[in-house]
Every structure is written in structure tokens, then in C-alpha cells.
Amino acid sequence: MIRTYRGFPVFFLVPYFLVFSVAGWVILQAGKTDSFLWVNSHRQSWADVLFPYFTHVGDGLFNLGITLLFLAISYRWALHFLGGFALSSLLSVLCKEWWFKGWPRPKLYFEQAGIPIQFIEGVTVHSYNSFPSGHTLTAFSVFALLAAWRPQPLWSIAMLILALLAAYSRVYLAQHFPVDVWVGSFAGLGCSFLSYQLIEATFSKHQPHWADRSLLSGMK
């Protein structure tokens, strides 16, 4: 039974691309605004409490924290997380500061359209640089690599669910349109996959002696 594709678990990749395809079809059919308004009108008390905190798994600090944690597990994997973070951050900056700079987020977009939307009290909602979702980029980069680190079915599916929840939280909190997180998820997965392939190819060629060591192994 095939469990991985070039190091990434199929139990992460296959369900992801199924969700990606269905979500893309829904966004295409409903459009940018109606797909957002549907999410915005379906609120739950538990989500109002959870998502303002859980959304921070898409922060750069969370990624760097995972990278530092893996220094104690494996230098190879710490480098994978650092590489994924570097690529996803670079792509996010290029999109937000150059290619799609100034694109309105839902708050500004619907204010200008005269359409009221719901917000969660205490959450700071931004107005510009909507495309793509940087938090989703980072979250998918991190959780895809966590799935690759331990390519077991239940673990892989759990990592995918966490990544999808992080993406959904960005729409739920009115920070992004669904299309922003849809593209961001694919870009984040792509960044982690590309970084992983480049680093593994380099290790395979040069075989550094330190790659499979860690801070903890160095203390023994």
C-alpha cells in the first residue's frame, strides 16, 4: 500500500485535494462575496471562542516555535520547517506587498458596498492586503510538514483537519474571503513540498553527518 508521495503522506494529500476541488467548485459557483457571506451568517458560539485563539497557528511565531522544537528532535526536520517557513513567508510578502498590494479585505469591501457583516468582539480586523491568506500559507506549510514527519493515516488526517480549521478561521473571523484561503492553502502546501524536495535532494547528494542528529543527541 502506497503511504507517501515523495515523502508526503497520501492520507494528507488525497483528502486535501478532494476538499480543495469541492471548495473551488463552490467558490466558483457562489462567487467571492456570496461564499464569504454564507460563512459570515453561519456562526457558532464555540467557534466564536475557539477561532480567535486557534487562528494564531498561522502566525510566523508558531512556525518558528515548531522549528525550535525540532532542533531537539532532528536537525534535518528543523531545517525542513525553516525552509517551508522561508518560502511561504517570501511568497506572502511578494503577494501582499507587490503583486496584490492593497486588495481590500471583507471589512473594507463590504463597507464600501454598504453591506453589514458580523465581527467577533475583541478581534482586530484588517482592511487591506487580502490576497492570499498569509496565515493559511503558514498553517498549511507547517501542518503538511508535520504530516510528512510522521506519515501515519490518523496523524496525517489530524494534521489536515488542523490546517483546514486554521484556514476556515480566517474567513470566520472576517479577515479573508474564501478564495484567499483556497489559494493560500495550495501555496502553503506547495512551499513545504518544494522546500522538502530541495533539502532532501541536497542531503541525498552530500549526506551531512549532522542531519539526523539533534540538540538532545548532542547532549548524550
N, C-alpha and C. Protein backbone atom coordinates (compact mmCIF):
# COMPACT_ATOMS: atom_id res chain seq x y z
N MET A 1 0.84 -1.20 0.00
CA MET A 1 0.00 0.00 0.00
C MET A 1 0.88 1.25 0.00
N ILE A 2 0.60 2.19 -0.92
CA ILE A 2 1.38 3.42 -1.01
C ILE A 2 0.97 4.35 0.12
N ARG A 3 1.93 4.75 0.93
CA ARG A 3 1.63 5.62 2.06
C ARG A 3 2.10 7.05 1.85
N THR A 4 3.10 7.23 0.97
CA THR A 4 3.63 8.57 0.75
C THR A 4 3.84 8.83 -0.73
N TYR A 5 3.84 10.09 -1.11
CA TYR A 5 4.24 10.52 -2.43
C TYR A 5 5.38 11.50 -2.26
N ARG A 6 6.58 11.05 -2.64
CA ARG A 6 7.79 11.87 -2.49
C ARG A 6 7.92 12.41 -1.07
N GLY A 7 7.62 11.55 -0.11
CA GLY A 7 7.80 11.90 1.29
C GLY A 7 6.57 12.45 1.98
N PHE A 8 5.54 12.83 1.23
CA PHE A 8 4.33 13.39 1.82
C PHE A 8 3.23 12.34 1.85
N PRO A 9 2.56 12.18 2.98
CA PRO A 9 1.57 11.09 3.13
C PRO A 9 0.35 11.28 2.24
N VAL A 10 -0.06 10.20 1.61
CA VAL A 10 -1.25 10.26 0.75
C VAL A 10 -2.51 10.51 1.58
N PHE A 11 -2.48 10.16 2.87
CA PHE A 11 -3.64 10.40 3.71
C PHE A 11 -3.79 11.87 4.06
N PHE A 12 -2.80 12.67 3.73
CA PHE A 12 -2.92 14.12 3.79
C PHE A 12 -3.25 14.68 2.41
N LEU A 13 -2.52 14.22 1.40
CA LEU A 13 -2.65 14.79 0.06
C LEU A 13 -3.99 14.49 -0.60
N VAL A 14 -4.42 13.23 -0.57
CA VAL A 14 -5.66 12.86 -1.27
C VAL A 14 -6.89 13.56 -0.68
N PRO A 15 -7.10 13.50 0.65
CA PRO A 15 -8.26 14.23 1.20
C PRO A 15 -8.15 15.73 0.96
N TYR A 16 -6.92 16.26 1.04
CA TYR A 16 -6.77 17.70 0.80
C TYR A 16 -7.24 18.08 -0.60
N PHE A 17 -6.78 17.34 -1.61
CA PHE A 17 -7.15 17.72 -2.98
C PHE A 17 -8.64 17.48 -3.26
N LEU A 18 -9.25 16.56 -2.54
CA LEU A 18 -10.71 16.41 -2.64
C LEU A 18 -11.41 17.64 -2.09
N VAL A 19 -11.00 18.08 -0.89
CA VAL A 19 -11.57 19.28 -0.28
C VAL A 19 -11.27 20.50 -1.15
N PHE A 20 -10.05 20.58 -1.64
CA PHE A 20 -9.64 21.70 -2.49
C PHE A 20 -10.52 21.80 -3.74
N SER A 21 -10.80 20.65 -4.35
CA SER A 21 -11.61 20.63 -5.57
C SER A 21 -13.05 21.04 -5.29
N VAL A 22 -13.63 20.47 -4.23
CA VAL A 22 -15.01 20.81 -3.88
C VAL A 22 -15.13 22.29 -3.49
N ALA A 23 -14.18 22.76 -2.68
CA ALA A 23 -14.22 24.17 -2.27
C ALA A 23 -14.06 25.09 -3.46
N GLY A 24 -13.19 24.73 -4.39
CA GLY A 24 -13.01 25.54 -5.59
C GLY A 24 -14.28 25.62 -6.41
N TRP A 25 -14.98 24.50 -6.53
CA TRP A 25 -16.25 24.48 -7.27
C TRP A 25 -17.28 25.36 -6.59
N VAL A 26 -17.38 25.27 -5.26
CA VAL A 26 -18.34 26.07 -4.51
C VAL A 26 -18.04 27.56 -4.66
N ILE A 27 -16.75 27.92 -4.53
CA ILE A 27 -16.36 29.33 -4.66
C ILE A 27 -16.67 29.84 -6.06
N LEU A 28 -16.41 29.00 -7.06
CA LEU A 28 -16.69 29.39 -8.44
C LEU A 28 -18.18 29.60 -8.67
N GLN A 29 -19.00 28.73 -8.09
CA GLN A 29 -20.45 28.83 -8.27
C GLN A 29 -21.04 29.99 -7.48
N ALA A 30 -20.62 30.14 -6.23
CA ALA A 30 -21.21 31.15 -5.35
C ALA A 30 -20.61 32.53 -5.57
N GLY A 31 -19.35 32.57 -5.99
CA GLY A 31 -18.69 33.85 -6.17
C GLY A 31 -17.97 34.30 -4.90
N LYS A 32 -17.15 35.29 -5.03
CA LYS A 32 -16.32 35.80 -3.94
C LYS A 32 -17.15 36.31 -2.76
N THR A 33 -18.17 37.09 -3.05
CA THR A 33 -18.93 37.72 -1.96
C THR A 33 -19.92 36.77 -1.30
N ASP A 34 -20.68 36.04 -2.09
CA ASP A 34 -21.70 35.17 -1.52
C ASP A 34 -21.09 34.02 -0.71
N SER A 35 -19.94 33.52 -1.16
CA SER A 35 -19.29 32.45 -0.39
C SER A 35 -18.84 32.97 0.97
N PHE A 36 -18.36 34.22 1.01
CA PHE A 36 -17.99 34.81 2.31
C PHE A 36 -19.22 35.05 3.17
N LEU A 37 -20.27 35.63 2.58
CA LEU A 37 -21.47 35.96 3.36
C LEU A 37 -22.13 34.72 3.94
N TRP A 38 -22.02 33.58 3.25
CA TRP A 38 -22.58 32.35 3.79
C TRP A 38 -21.87 31.96 5.07
N VAL A 39 -20.52 32.02 5.04
CA VAL A 39 -19.75 31.70 6.25
C VAL A 39 -20.06 32.69 7.35
N ASN A 40 -20.11 33.97 6.99
CA ASN A 40 -20.32 35.02 7.98
C ASN A 40 -21.68 34.93 8.66
N SER A 41 -22.65 34.36 7.97
CA SER A 41 -24.01 34.26 8.53
C SER A 41 -24.23 32.97 9.31
N HIS A 42 -23.26 32.05 9.26
CA HIS A 42 -23.39 30.78 9.99
C HIS A 42 -22.36 30.76 11.13
N ARG A 43 -22.76 31.31 12.24
CA ARG A 43 -21.85 31.44 13.37
C ARG A 43 -22.26 30.47 14.48
N GLN A 44 -21.26 30.05 15.26
CA GLN A 44 -21.48 29.14 16.38
C GLN A 44 -20.78 29.71 17.60
N SER A 45 -21.37 29.52 18.77
CA SER A 45 -20.79 30.09 19.99
C SER A 45 -19.41 29.49 20.28
N TRP A 46 -19.24 28.17 20.03
CA TRP A 46 -17.95 27.54 20.29
C TRP A 46 -16.88 28.08 19.35
N ALA A 47 -17.27 28.37 18.11
CA ALA A 47 -16.31 28.90 17.14
C ALA A 47 -15.92 30.33 17.48
N ASP A 48 -16.87 31.09 18.02
CA ASP A 48 -16.57 32.46 18.43
C ASP A 48 -15.50 32.49 19.52
N VAL A 49 -15.46 31.44 20.33
CA VAL A 49 -14.47 31.35 21.41
C VAL A 49 -13.16 30.75 20.89
N LEU A 50 -13.25 29.70 20.08
CA LEU A 50 -12.06 28.96 19.64
C LEU A 50 -11.23 29.71 18.61
N PHE A 51 -11.85 30.19 17.54
CA PHE A 51 -11.10 30.67 16.39
C PHE A 51 -10.23 31.90 16.64
N PRO A 52 -10.62 32.85 17.51
CA PRO A 52 -9.72 33.98 17.75
C PRO A 52 -8.37 33.54 18.32
N TYR A 53 -8.33 32.39 18.98
CA TYR A 53 -7.07 31.87 19.52
C TYR A 53 -6.41 30.89 18.54
N PHE A 54 -7.21 29.98 18.00
CA PHE A 54 -6.65 28.94 17.14
C PHE A 54 -6.05 29.50 15.86
N THR A 55 -6.57 30.63 15.39
CA THR A 55 -6.07 31.20 14.15
C THR A 55 -4.59 31.54 14.20
N HIS A 56 -4.04 31.66 15.42
CA HIS A 56 -2.63 32.03 15.56
C HIS A 56 -1.67 30.90 15.21
N VAL A 57 -2.19 29.70 14.91
CA VAL A 57 -1.29 28.65 14.41
C VAL A 57 -0.77 29.03 13.02
N GLY A 58 -1.36 30.06 12.43
CA GLY A 58 -0.87 30.55 11.15
C GLY A 58 0.12 31.69 11.30
N ASP A 59 0.45 32.05 12.53
CA ASP A 59 1.45 33.10 12.76
C ASP A 59 2.86 32.58 12.48
N GLY A 60 3.73 33.48 12.07
CA GLY A 60 5.13 33.12 11.88
C GLY A 60 5.77 32.63 13.16
N LEU A 61 5.37 33.18 14.30
CA LEU A 61 5.95 32.77 15.57
C LEU A 61 5.65 31.31 15.88
N PHE A 62 4.47 30.85 15.49
CA PHE A 62 4.13 29.43 15.70
C PHE A 62 5.06 28.55 14.87
N ASN A 63 5.29 28.94 13.62
CA ASN A 63 6.19 28.17 12.76
C ASN A 63 7.61 28.16 13.32
N LEU A 64 8.09 29.30 13.76
CA LEU A 64 9.43 29.36 14.34
C LEU A 64 9.50 28.54 15.63
N GLY A 65 8.41 28.53 16.39
CA GLY A 65 8.38 27.70 17.60
C GLY A 65 8.49 26.23 17.28
N ILE A 66 7.80 25.78 16.24
CA ILE A 66 7.90 24.39 15.80
C ILE A 66 9.33 24.09 15.33
N THR A 67 9.92 25.03 14.62
CA THR A 67 11.30 24.85 14.15
C THR A 67 12.25 24.68 15.32
N LEU A 68 12.12 25.52 16.32
CA LEU A 68 12.99 25.42 17.50
C LEU A 68 12.75 24.11 18.24
N LEU A 69 11.50 23.67 18.32
CA LEU A 69 11.20 22.41 18.98
C LEU A 69 11.90 21.25 18.27
N PHE A 70 11.91 21.29 16.94
CA PHE A 70 12.51 20.20 16.19
C PHE A 70 14.03 20.20 16.22
N LEU A 71 14.62 21.28 16.68
CA LEU A 71 16.07 21.25 16.90
C LEU A 71 16.42 20.19 17.94
N ALA A 72 15.49 19.93 18.86
CA ALA A 72 15.71 18.91 19.89
C ALA A 72 15.33 17.52 19.40
N ILE A 73 14.74 17.42 18.19
CA ILE A 73 14.31 16.13 17.66
C ILE A 73 15.17 15.70 16.48
N SER A 74 15.36 16.62 15.54
CA SER A 74 16.13 16.30 14.33
C SER A 74 16.52 17.58 13.62
N TYR A 75 17.82 17.78 13.39
CA TYR A 75 18.27 18.95 12.64
C TYR A 75 17.70 18.94 11.22
N ARG A 76 17.59 17.75 10.65
CA ARG A 76 17.03 17.63 9.30
C ARG A 76 15.61 18.21 9.25
N TRP A 77 14.78 17.81 10.21
CA TRP A 77 13.40 18.27 10.19
C TRP A 77 13.28 19.73 10.61
N ALA A 78 14.13 20.18 11.48
CA ALA A 78 14.14 21.61 11.82
C ALA A 78 14.43 22.44 10.58
N LEU A 79 15.34 21.95 9.74
CA LEU A 79 15.66 22.65 8.51
C LEU A 79 14.49 22.61 7.52
N HIS A 80 13.75 21.49 7.51
CA HIS A 80 12.55 21.42 6.67
C HIS A 80 11.54 22.49 7.07
N PHE A 81 11.29 22.63 8.35
CA PHE A 81 10.33 23.62 8.81
C PHE A 81 10.84 25.04 8.55
N LEU A 82 12.12 25.25 8.72
CA LEU A 82 12.69 26.56 8.45
C LEU A 82 12.60 26.90 6.96
N GLY A 83 12.87 25.91 6.11
CA GLY A 83 12.78 26.12 4.67
C GLY A 83 11.36 26.41 4.23
N GLY A 84 10.39 25.65 4.76
CA GLY A 84 8.99 25.89 4.43
C GLY A 84 8.55 27.27 4.88
N PHE A 85 9.00 27.68 6.07
CA PHE A 85 8.66 29.00 6.59
C PHE A 85 9.26 30.10 5.72
N ALA A 86 10.50 29.91 5.29
CA ALA A 86 11.17 30.92 4.47
C ALA A 86 10.45 31.10 3.13
N LEU A 87 10.10 29.99 2.48
CA LEU A 87 9.43 30.08 1.18
C LEU A 87 8.03 30.66 1.31
N SER A 88 7.27 30.19 2.31
CA SER A 88 5.90 30.68 2.46
C SER A 88 5.90 32.16 2.85
N SER A 89 6.85 32.58 3.68
CA SER A 89 6.93 34.00 4.07
C SER A 89 7.31 34.87 2.88
N LEU A 90 8.27 34.41 2.09
CA LEU A 90 8.68 35.16 0.91
C LEU A 90 7.52 35.32 -0.06
N LEU A 91 6.80 34.24 -0.31
CA LEU A 91 5.67 34.29 -1.22
C LEU A 91 4.58 35.22 -0.70
N SER A 92 4.31 35.15 0.60
CA SER A 92 3.29 36.01 1.20
C SER A 92 3.66 37.48 1.05
N VAL A 93 4.92 37.82 1.32
CA VAL A 93 5.37 39.21 1.20
C VAL A 93 5.28 39.70 -0.24
N LEU A 94 5.71 38.88 -1.18
CA LEU A 94 5.64 39.26 -2.59
C LEU A 94 4.21 39.53 -3.03
N CYS A 95 3.29 38.66 -2.57
CA CYS A 95 1.89 38.84 -2.95
C CYS A 95 1.28 40.09 -2.33
N LYS A 96 1.50 40.25 -1.03
CA LYS A 96 0.83 41.31 -0.31
C LYS A 96 1.46 42.69 -0.53
N GLU A 97 2.78 42.72 -0.74
CA GLU A 97 3.46 44.00 -0.87
C GLU A 97 3.77 44.39 -2.31
N TRP A 98 3.60 43.45 -3.25
CA TRP A 98 3.93 43.75 -4.63
C TRP A 98 2.79 43.38 -5.59
N TRP A 99 2.51 42.12 -5.74
CA TRP A 99 1.60 41.67 -6.79
C TRP A 99 0.15 42.03 -6.52
N PHE A 100 -0.31 41.90 -5.26
CA PHE A 100 -1.72 42.16 -4.96
C PHE A 100 -1.86 43.19 -3.83
N LYS A 101 -0.93 44.10 -3.75
CA LYS A 101 -0.91 45.08 -2.67
C LYS A 101 -2.18 45.93 -2.68
N GLY A 102 -2.75 46.11 -1.51
CA GLY A 102 -3.90 46.98 -1.36
C GLY A 102 -5.24 46.34 -1.64
N TRP A 103 -5.26 45.06 -2.01
CA TRP A 103 -6.56 44.41 -2.26
C TRP A 103 -7.40 44.46 -0.98
N PRO A 104 -8.65 44.90 -1.07
CA PRO A 104 -9.47 45.06 0.14
C PRO A 104 -9.87 43.73 0.77
N ARG A 105 -9.85 43.70 2.09
CA ARG A 105 -10.37 42.56 2.83
C ARG A 105 -11.88 42.73 3.00
N PRO A 106 -12.55 41.71 3.52
CA PRO A 106 -14.01 41.80 3.63
C PRO A 106 -14.53 43.03 4.34
N LYS A 107 -13.86 43.45 5.43
CA LYS A 107 -14.32 44.61 6.20
C LYS A 107 -14.48 45.84 5.31
N LEU A 108 -13.43 46.19 4.57
CA LEU A 108 -13.48 47.36 3.70
C LEU A 108 -14.38 47.12 2.50
N TYR A 109 -14.29 45.93 1.92
CA TYR A 109 -15.07 45.60 0.73
C TYR A 109 -16.57 45.78 0.98
N PHE A 110 -17.05 45.23 2.09
CA PHE A 110 -18.49 45.30 2.35
C PHE A 110 -18.91 46.65 2.92
N GLU A 111 -17.99 47.36 3.58
CA GLU A 111 -18.29 48.73 3.99
C GLU A 111 -18.56 49.59 2.76
N GLN A 112 -17.70 49.45 1.75
CA GLN A 112 -17.88 50.24 0.53
C GLN A 112 -19.13 49.83 -0.23
N ALA A 113 -19.52 48.56 -0.09
CA ALA A 113 -20.72 48.08 -0.77
C ALA A 113 -21.99 48.36 0.03
N GLY A 114 -21.83 48.84 1.26
CA GLY A 114 -22.98 49.12 2.11
C GLY A 114 -23.68 47.88 2.64
N ILE A 115 -22.92 46.78 2.76
CA ILE A 115 -23.49 45.51 3.24
C ILE A 115 -22.93 45.22 4.63
N PRO A 116 -23.77 45.14 5.67
CA PRO A 116 -23.26 44.86 7.02
C PRO A 116 -22.83 43.40 7.17
N ILE A 117 -21.72 43.19 7.85
CA ILE A 117 -21.27 41.83 8.15
C ILE A 117 -20.99 41.74 9.65
N GLN A 118 -20.86 40.51 10.14
CA GLN A 118 -20.67 40.28 11.56
C GLN A 118 -19.18 40.16 11.91
N PHE A 119 -18.83 40.66 13.09
CA PHE A 119 -17.47 40.55 13.61
C PHE A 119 -17.53 39.97 15.02
N ILE A 120 -16.41 39.44 15.46
CA ILE A 120 -16.30 38.94 16.84
C ILE A 120 -15.68 40.03 17.70
N GLU A 121 -16.33 40.34 18.78
CA GLU A 121 -15.87 41.40 19.67
C GLU A 121 -14.45 41.10 20.17
N GLY A 122 -13.59 42.10 20.11
CA GLY A 122 -12.23 41.96 20.59
C GLY A 122 -11.22 41.54 19.54
N VAL A 123 -11.68 41.15 18.36
CA VAL A 123 -10.79 40.73 17.28
C VAL A 123 -10.51 41.93 16.36
N THR A 124 -9.24 42.26 16.21
CA THR A 124 -8.86 43.35 15.31
C THR A 124 -8.94 42.85 13.87
N VAL A 125 -9.76 43.50 13.06
CA VAL A 125 -9.98 43.08 11.68
C VAL A 125 -9.28 44.07 10.74
N HIS A 126 -8.49 43.54 9.84
CA HIS A 126 -7.72 44.38 8.93
C HIS A 126 -8.54 44.72 7.69
N SER A 127 -8.05 45.71 6.94
CA SER A 127 -8.81 46.21 5.79
C SER A 127 -8.15 45.95 4.44
N TYR A 128 -6.83 45.77 4.43
CA TYR A 128 -6.12 45.65 3.16
C TYR A 128 -5.27 44.38 3.07
N ASN A 129 -4.72 44.16 1.86
CA ASN A 129 -3.81 43.04 1.58
C ASN A 129 -4.48 41.69 1.88
N SER A 130 -5.60 41.49 1.20
CA SER A 130 -6.41 40.31 1.45
C SER A 130 -5.86 39.04 0.79
N PHE A 131 -5.24 39.19 -0.38
CA PHE A 131 -4.91 38.02 -1.19
C PHE A 131 -3.41 37.78 -1.28
N PRO A 132 -2.98 36.52 -0.99
CA PRO A 132 -3.75 35.41 -0.40
C PRO A 132 -3.70 35.50 1.12
N SER A 133 -4.23 34.52 1.80
CA SER A 133 -4.18 34.49 3.26
C SER A 133 -2.81 34.01 3.73
N GLY A 134 -2.06 34.91 4.35
CA GLY A 134 -0.73 34.56 4.85
C GLY A 134 -0.79 33.54 5.97
N HIS A 135 -1.80 33.65 6.83
CA HIS A 135 -1.94 32.68 7.92
C HIS A 135 -2.19 31.27 7.37
N THR A 136 -3.00 31.21 6.31
CA THR A 136 -3.27 29.90 5.71
C THR A 136 -2.03 29.34 5.05
N LEU A 137 -1.28 30.20 4.38
CA LEU A 137 0.01 29.79 3.80
C LEU A 137 0.89 29.12 4.85
N THR A 138 1.05 29.82 5.96
CA THR A 138 1.92 29.31 7.03
C THR A 138 1.37 28.04 7.66
N ALA A 139 0.07 28.03 7.95
CA ALA A 139 -0.53 26.87 8.60
C ALA A 139 -0.39 25.62 7.75
N PHE A 140 -0.65 25.71 6.46
CA PHE A 140 -0.54 24.54 5.60
C PHE A 140 0.91 24.11 5.42
N SER A 141 1.83 25.06 5.41
CA SER A 141 3.24 24.70 5.34
C SER A 141 3.65 23.90 6.57
N VAL A 142 3.23 24.35 7.74
CA VAL A 142 3.59 23.68 9.00
C VAL A 142 2.93 22.31 9.12
N PHE A 143 1.62 22.25 8.92
CA PHE A 143 0.90 21.00 9.17
C PHE A 143 1.18 19.95 8.10
N ALA A 144 1.47 20.38 6.88
CA ALA A 144 1.86 19.41 5.85
C ALA A 144 3.20 18.77 6.20
N LEU A 145 4.13 19.55 6.72
CA LEU A 145 5.42 19.00 7.12
C LEU A 145 5.29 18.13 8.37
N LEU A 146 4.41 18.51 9.28
CA LEU A 146 4.17 17.65 10.45
C LEU A 146 3.58 16.31 10.02
N ALA A 147 2.73 16.33 9.00
CA ALA A 147 2.20 15.08 8.46
C ALA A 147 3.30 14.25 7.82
N ALA A 148 4.21 14.91 7.11
CA ALA A 148 5.32 14.19 6.46
C ALA A 148 6.30 13.63 7.48
N TRP A 149 6.43 14.31 8.60
CA TRP A 149 7.34 13.84 9.65
C TRP A 149 6.90 12.49 10.21
N ARG A 150 5.59 12.29 10.33
CA ARG A 150 5.07 11.02 10.82
C ARG A 150 3.93 10.57 9.91
N PRO A 151 4.26 9.94 8.76
CA PRO A 151 3.26 9.62 7.73
C PRO A 151 2.36 8.44 8.08
N GLN A 152 1.61 8.59 9.15
CA GLN A 152 0.64 7.58 9.57
C GLN A 152 -0.77 8.10 9.30
N PRO A 153 -1.70 7.25 8.92
CA PRO A 153 -3.03 7.69 8.48
C PRO A 153 -3.74 8.64 9.46
N LEU A 154 -3.90 8.23 10.70
CA LEU A 154 -4.65 9.06 11.64
C LEU A 154 -3.95 10.38 11.92
N TRP A 155 -2.63 10.32 12.06
CA TRP A 155 -1.85 11.54 12.30
C TRP A 155 -1.97 12.49 11.10
N SER A 156 -1.86 11.95 9.89
CA SER A 156 -1.94 12.77 8.69
C SER A 156 -3.30 13.45 8.57
N ILE A 157 -4.37 12.69 8.83
CA ILE A 157 -5.71 13.25 8.75
C ILE A 157 -5.91 14.32 9.83
N ALA A 158 -5.36 14.08 11.02
CA ALA A 158 -5.47 15.07 12.10
C ALA A 158 -4.77 16.36 11.71
N MET A 159 -3.58 16.26 11.09
CA MET A 159 -2.86 17.45 10.66
C MET A 159 -3.62 18.20 9.58
N LEU A 160 -4.27 17.47 8.69
CA LEU A 160 -5.06 18.12 7.65
C LEU A 160 -6.25 18.86 8.26
N ILE A 161 -6.92 18.24 9.22
CA ILE A 161 -8.06 18.89 9.87
C ILE A 161 -7.62 20.18 10.55
N LEU A 162 -6.48 20.15 11.23
CA LEU A 162 -5.98 21.36 11.89
C LEU A 162 -5.67 22.45 10.87
N ALA A 163 -5.07 22.07 9.75
CA ALA A 163 -4.76 23.04 8.70
C ALA A 163 -6.04 23.65 8.12
N LEU A 164 -7.04 22.81 7.89
CA LEU A 164 -8.30 23.29 7.34
C LEU A 164 -9.03 24.20 8.33
N LEU A 165 -8.98 23.86 9.61
CA LEU A 165 -9.60 24.72 10.62
C LEU A 165 -8.91 26.08 10.69
N ALA A 166 -7.58 26.08 10.56
CA ALA A 166 -6.85 27.35 10.55
C ALA A 166 -7.28 28.20 9.36
N ALA A 167 -7.44 27.55 8.19
CA ALA A 167 -7.87 28.27 7.00
C ALA A 167 -9.30 28.81 7.18
N TYR A 168 -10.18 27.96 7.67
CA TYR A 168 -11.58 28.38 7.86
C TYR A 168 -11.69 29.53 8.86
N SER A 169 -10.82 29.50 9.87
CA SER A 169 -10.87 30.56 10.89
C SER A 169 -10.64 31.93 10.30
N ARG A 170 -9.85 32.02 9.22
CA ARG A 170 -9.56 33.31 8.62
C ARG A 170 -10.81 33.92 7.96
N VAL A 171 -11.63 33.06 7.41
CA VAL A 171 -12.90 33.54 6.83
C VAL A 171 -13.90 33.82 7.95
N TYR A 172 -13.95 32.93 8.91
CA TYR A 172 -14.90 33.06 10.03
C TYR A 172 -14.67 34.36 10.79
N LEU A 173 -13.40 34.75 10.94
CA LEU A 173 -13.07 35.98 11.66
C LEU A 173 -13.18 37.22 10.78
N ALA A 174 -13.63 37.05 9.55
CA ALA A 174 -13.81 38.15 8.59
C ALA A 174 -12.50 38.80 8.20
N GLN A 175 -11.42 38.02 8.24
CA GLN A 175 -10.12 38.54 7.82
C GLN A 175 -9.87 38.31 6.33
N HIS A 176 -10.54 37.30 5.75
CA HIS A 176 -10.28 36.95 4.36
C HIS A 176 -11.54 36.43 3.68
N PHE A 177 -11.50 36.48 2.34
CA PHE A 177 -12.51 35.81 1.53
C PHE A 177 -12.14 34.34 1.37
N PRO A 178 -13.11 33.47 1.11
CA PRO A 178 -12.78 32.06 0.89
C PRO A 178 -11.73 31.83 -0.19
N VAL A 179 -11.76 32.62 -1.25
CA VAL A 179 -10.77 32.44 -2.32
C VAL A 179 -9.36 32.73 -1.82
N ASP A 180 -9.22 33.62 -0.85
CA ASP A 180 -7.90 33.94 -0.28
C ASP A 180 -7.29 32.72 0.41
N VAL A 181 -8.13 32.02 1.18
CA VAL A 181 -7.61 30.86 1.91
C VAL A 181 -7.50 29.64 0.99
N TRP A 182 -8.36 29.58 -0.02
CA TRP A 182 -8.30 28.49 -1.00
C TRP A 182 -6.95 28.50 -1.71
N VAL A 183 -6.55 29.67 -2.21
CA VAL A 183 -5.25 29.79 -2.87
C VAL A 183 -4.12 29.66 -1.85
N GLY A 184 -4.30 30.25 -0.66
CA GLY A 184 -3.27 30.19 0.36
C GLY A 184 -2.95 28.77 0.80
N SER A 185 -3.97 27.91 0.86
CA SER A 185 -3.73 26.53 1.27
C SER A 185 -2.86 25.80 0.25
N PHE A 186 -3.16 25.99 -1.02
CA PHE A 186 -2.39 25.33 -2.08
C PHE A 186 -0.96 25.87 -2.12
N ALA A 187 -0.83 27.18 -1.95
CA ALA A 187 0.51 27.78 -1.97
C ALA A 187 1.34 27.32 -0.77
N GLY A 188 0.71 27.21 0.41
CA GLY A 188 1.43 26.74 1.59
C GLY A 188 1.90 25.31 1.45
N LEU A 189 1.00 24.45 0.93
CA LEU A 189 1.39 23.07 0.68
C LEU A 189 2.51 23.01 -0.35
N GLY A 190 2.41 23.83 -1.38
CA GLY A 190 3.45 23.85 -2.41
C GLY A 190 4.79 24.29 -1.88
N CYS A 191 4.79 25.29 -1.00
CA CYS A 191 6.05 25.78 -0.41
C CYS A 191 6.72 24.69 0.42
N SER A 192 5.94 24.00 1.24
CA SER A 192 6.52 22.95 2.08
C SER A 192 7.01 21.79 1.23
N PHE A 193 6.26 21.44 0.20
CA PHE A 193 6.64 20.33 -0.67
C PHE A 193 7.93 20.67 -1.41
N LEU A 194 8.02 21.87 -1.96
CA LEU A 194 9.22 22.28 -2.69
C LEU A 194 10.43 22.33 -1.78
N SER A 195 10.26 22.92 -0.60
CA SER A 195 11.36 23.00 0.35
C SER A 195 11.84 21.61 0.74
N TYR A 196 10.90 20.72 1.01
CA TYR A 196 11.24 19.35 1.41
C TYR A 196 12.04 18.65 0.31
N GLN A 197 11.59 18.78 -0.94
CA GLN A 197 12.29 18.10 -2.04
C GLN A 197 13.70 18.66 -2.22
N LEU A 198 13.86 19.97 -2.13
CA LEU A 198 15.18 20.58 -2.32
C LEU A 198 16.14 20.16 -1.22
N ILE A 199 15.66 20.18 0.02
CA ILE A 199 16.53 19.83 1.15
C ILE A 199 16.89 18.35 1.13
N GLU A 200 15.91 17.49 0.85
CA GLU A 200 16.19 16.06 0.79
C GLU A 200 17.15 15.73 -0.36
N ALA A 201 17.00 16.41 -1.49
CA ALA A 201 17.90 16.18 -2.62
C ALA A 201 19.32 16.60 -2.25
N THR A 202 19.44 17.69 -1.52
CA THR A 202 20.77 18.15 -1.08
C THR A 202 21.38 17.17 -0.09
N PHE A 203 20.58 16.70 0.87
CA PHE A 203 21.07 15.72 1.84
C PHE A 203 21.48 14.42 1.16
N SER A 204 20.69 14.01 0.18
CA SER A 204 20.98 12.76 -0.52
C SER A 204 22.31 12.85 -1.27
N LYS A 205 22.62 14.02 -1.77
CA LYS A 205 23.85 14.20 -2.54
C LYS A 205 25.07 14.35 -1.65
N HIS A 206 24.92 15.11 -0.59
CA HIS A 206 26.08 15.44 0.25
C HIS A 206 26.16 14.63 1.54
N GLN A 207 25.03 14.10 2.03
CA GLN A 207 24.98 13.25 3.21
C GLN A 207 25.73 13.84 4.41
N PRO A 208 25.30 15.02 4.90
CA PRO A 208 25.98 15.62 6.06
C PRO A 208 25.82 14.76 7.30
N HIS A 209 26.86 14.64 8.08
CA HIS A 209 26.85 13.75 9.24
C HIS A 209 25.92 14.24 10.34
N TRP A 210 25.61 15.53 10.33
CA TRP A 210 24.81 16.11 11.41
C TRP A 210 23.31 16.06 11.15
N ALA A 211 22.89 15.69 9.94
CA ALA A 211 21.49 15.83 9.52
C ALA A 211 20.52 15.11 10.45
N ASP A 212 20.85 13.91 10.87
CA ASP A 212 19.93 13.12 11.70
C ASP A 212 20.25 13.19 13.18
N ARG A 213 21.06 14.16 13.54
CA ARG A 213 21.33 14.40 14.96
C ARG A 213 20.40 15.50 15.47
N SER A 214 20.50 15.81 16.75
CA SER A 214 19.66 16.83 17.36
C SER A 214 20.38 17.41 18.56
N LEU A 215 19.80 18.45 19.15
CA LEU A 215 20.39 19.01 20.35
C LEU A 215 20.44 17.99 21.47
N LEU A 216 19.39 17.17 21.57
CA LEU A 216 19.33 16.18 22.63
C LEU A 216 20.38 15.08 22.42
N SER A 217 20.56 14.66 21.16
CA SER A 217 21.56 13.61 20.89
C SER A 217 22.96 14.13 21.15
N GLY A 218 23.15 15.44 20.93
CA GLY A 218 24.47 16.03 21.18
C GLY A 218 24.80 16.14 22.65
N MET A 219 23.78 16.03 23.51
CA MET A 219 23.99 16.16 24.95
C MET A 219 24.28 14.81 25.60
N LYS A 220 24.13 13.73 24.81
CA LYS A 220 24.32 12.40 25.40
C LYS A 220 25.81 12.10 25.54
